[in-house]
Amino acid sequence: MTQETRDKGPMNLVQAIQYQDDAVVSRTLIKTDAGTVTLFAFDKGQELSEHTTPFDALVQVLDGEAEIRINQDTYSVGAGELLIMPANEPHALRAVEQFKMLLTMIKA
């Protein structure tokens, strides 16, 4: 596991990662053979281009708003919402405004 997961005490997810101008910032909280948990902060207008993954991915929106496209469907998601991106289906993401998310990917 990464160092962050060994730290004691609670973590405020929204405060655990900061926005940077014109950038996507990530912070891996857990990385094991079984999967990963990663925080992301997207500046307004930043994107992840279309791609696929061999595993389901759970997006939990912590702050802001984004559009997530899965196949041909586009979903608007905001703080407090979550969305599952199914394995092997093309998906992409665009920050409508500054946007933070927790991405959980289970491999096993």
Protein backbone atom coordinates (compact mmCIF):
# COMPACT_ATOMS: atom_id res chain seq x y z
CA MET A 1 0.00 0.00 0.00
CA THR A 2 1.04 3.60 -0.41
CA GLN A 3 2.18 5.70 2.54
CA GLU A 4 -1.12 7.61 2.71
CA THR A 5 -3.08 4.48 3.56
CA ARG A 6 -0.80 3.79 6.54
CA ASP A 7 -1.34 7.24 8.05
CA LYS A 8 -3.56 7.23 11.12
CA GLY A 9 -6.67 9.31 11.48
CA PRO A 10 -9.40 10.53 9.16
CA MET A 11 -8.78 12.30 5.87
CA ASN A 12 -10.93 15.05 4.37
CA LEU A 13 -11.03 14.02 0.71
CA VAL A 14 -11.94 17.45 -0.65
CA GLN A 15 -9.02 19.09 1.18
CA ALA A 16 -6.56 16.25 0.44
CA ILE A 17 -5.92 17.46 -3.12
CA GLN A 18 -5.69 20.97 -4.57
CA TYR A 19 -6.59 22.42 -7.96
CA GLN A 20 -3.80 23.64 -10.26
CA ASP A 21 -4.35 26.01 -13.20
CA ASP A 22 -4.79 24.24 -16.54
CA ALA A 23 -3.98 20.84 -15.04
CA VAL A 24 -5.25 17.50 -13.81
CA VAL A 25 -3.75 16.56 -10.44
CA SER A 26 -3.88 13.04 -8.99
CA ARG A 27 -3.00 11.49 -5.65
CA THR A 28 -2.96 7.72 -5.22
CA LEU A 29 -4.31 6.68 -1.82
CA ILE A 30 -4.22 2.91 -2.27
CA LYS A 31 -2.44 0.83 -4.88
CA THR A 32 -2.41 -2.94 -4.54
CA ASP A 33 -2.76 -5.94 -6.83
CA ALA A 34 -6.48 -5.90 -5.99
CA GLY A 35 -7.06 -2.33 -7.19
CA THR A 36 -6.50 1.39 -6.74
CA VAL A 37 -8.13 4.36 -5.06
CA THR A 38 -7.07 7.70 -6.51
CA LEU A 39 -8.08 11.32 -5.88
CA PHE A 40 -8.24 13.67 -8.87
CA ALA A 41 -8.61 17.44 -9.18
CA PHE A 42 -9.40 18.86 -12.64
CA ASP A 43 -9.23 22.52 -13.52
CA LYS A 44 -12.18 23.82 -15.54
CA GLY A 45 -12.06 22.53 -19.11
CA GLN A 46 -9.53 19.77 -18.46
CA GLU A 47 -10.29 16.35 -19.94
CA LEU A 48 -9.41 12.69 -19.96
CA SER A 49 -9.60 11.51 -23.55
CA GLU A 50 -11.65 8.49 -24.54
CA HIS A 51 -10.19 5.18 -23.39
CA THR A 52 -11.19 1.78 -22.02
CA THR A 53 -10.13 -0.17 -18.95
CA PRO A 54 -10.40 -3.90 -18.32
CA PHE A 55 -12.10 -3.27 -14.95
CA ASP A 56 -15.18 -1.44 -13.68
CA ALA A 57 -14.38 1.99 -12.23
CA LEU A 58 -16.45 3.86 -9.65
CA VAL A 59 -16.38 7.67 -9.82
CA GLN A 60 -17.45 9.52 -6.67
CA VAL A 61 -17.80 13.27 -7.24
CA LEU A 62 -16.48 15.30 -4.31
CA ASP A 63 -16.65 18.85 -5.66
CA GLY A 64 -17.70 20.68 -8.80
CA GLU A 65 -19.24 19.29 -11.97
CA ALA A 66 -18.13 17.12 -14.87
CA GLU A 67 -19.51 15.44 -17.96
CA ILE A 68 -18.71 11.77 -18.30
CA ARG A 69 -19.32 10.04 -21.62
CA ILE A 70 -19.74 6.27 -21.65
CA ASN A 71 -20.17 4.91 -25.18
CA GLN A 72 -22.58 7.41 -26.75
CA ASP A 73 -24.29 8.51 -23.51
CA THR A 74 -23.20 11.68 -21.67
CA TYR A 75 -23.91 12.16 -17.95
CA SER A 76 -23.64 15.37 -15.96
CA VAL A 77 -22.38 14.59 -12.46
CA GLY A 78 -21.89 16.83 -9.45
CA ALA A 79 -20.83 16.78 -5.83
CA GLY A 80 -22.36 13.88 -3.91
CA GLU A 81 -23.09 11.78 -7.00
CA LEU A 82 -21.42 8.64 -8.27
CA LEU A 83 -21.26 6.80 -11.56
CA ILE A 84 -19.97 3.38 -12.55
CA MET A 85 -17.93 3.21 -15.74
CA PRO A 86 -18.22 -0.40 -16.95
CA ALA A 87 -15.18 -2.40 -17.97
CA ASN A 88 -14.25 -2.48 -21.66
CA GLU A 89 -16.63 0.36 -22.61
CA PRO A 90 -15.12 3.55 -24.03
CA HIS A 91 -15.41 6.51 -21.69
CA ALA A 92 -14.14 10.08 -21.41
CA LEU A 93 -14.41 12.91 -18.91
CA ARG A 94 -14.51 16.72 -19.12
CA ALA A 95 -14.55 19.19 -16.22
CA VAL A 96 -17.45 21.62 -16.74
CA GLU A 97 -16.08 23.56 -13.79
CA GLN A 98 -13.32 22.76 -11.33
CA PHE A 99 -13.99 19.18 -10.33
CA LYS A 100 -12.68 16.68 -7.75
CA MET A 101 -13.38 12.96 -7.75
CA LEU A 102 -12.39 9.76 -6.02
CA LEU A 103 -11.81 6.94 -8.51
CA THR A 104 -11.97 3.37 -7.24
CA MET A 105 -10.91 0.55 -9.52
CA ILE A 106 -11.21 -3.04 -8.29
CA LYS A 107 -9.12 -5.53 -10.29
CA ALA A 108 -9.76 -8.71 -8.34
